Amino acid sequence: MYRVLIVEDEDIIRKGIAYTMDWMGMGCTIAGEAANGKEGLEKIEELKPDIVLADIMMPVIDGIEMIRKAKENYSFKSIILTSYADFDYAKQAIDLDVSAYLMKPVDERELKKNVEKIIAEIEKDQEYQKFAEKKKSTEEITEVFIKTDKENDYVQHVLDVTKERYADKISIESFSEELGVSASYLSRKFKESTGTGFLDFLNKYRVQQAIKLLETGKYKVYEVSDLTGFTDYKHFNTVFKRYTGTAPSEFIN
């Protein structure tokens, strides 16, 4: 459930929004209420809401200043409620990346539509954050490998060549033949130095390069599959989703 805080000095309006809207049906719960901007700041710190509905003209601290101060420390979506069709207020709201600017009296359908839009934005942000964390993890893993196994010349050679030839058909067996050592020995040394098997490392590195190509917007998914060594398109989709949590086509969108 997404947590909603209502900051409004007019009690009848605040209670009306809190108790007449079908918040549960929208996947939300009213986490708290506040009657002025100062109290609102304290509630934001205490409750850490996902969505803040705030009037502009309030005692002590106005809604704009409250949101500005709160966003210095917390991340949340906001909806401004106002009785004033003032361009300056609207401009300040835009500068604060306010999600909606609604005139009072509040139209329930309009408020519901904007809350649902905000929830979709939050979910999209969450998915992107998960993807970004997985992407960062993949990048950090490959960088750590390269930094921590310099003591093993065989492993370092495998890493260096993999970075250059990741799009080719390579395997621990082809490297063992090239280096004149057994595949089992090389495989064991690689895992000791990197903490993972060669195939897992290769797949992670290929996915990392695939992400870079997809981000350019120049290539279709099947082209990226070929360019990064995944000759089987379905296999590329499976491996990409395993490491990033999303399919390549979804990542493009």
Foldseek 3Di string as FASTA:
>chain_A
DFEEEEEAQPPVLSVCVQPVAPQVVLVYHHPYYHNFLVVVLVCCVVPVGQEYEAEQDGPPHGPLVSLVVSVVPGDHAYEYEYQDPDPVVVVSCVVSVHQYYYYPPGDNVVVSVSVSVSVVVVVVVVLVVLLVVLLVVLVVLLVCLQVFQPVDPLLNVVSVVCLVQLLDDDDLCVSCVVVVHDSVVSQVSNCVRRVDGPVVNSLSVLLNVLLVVLVVVPDDQCVSCNRRNNPDSVVNQVSNCVRRVDGSVVSSD
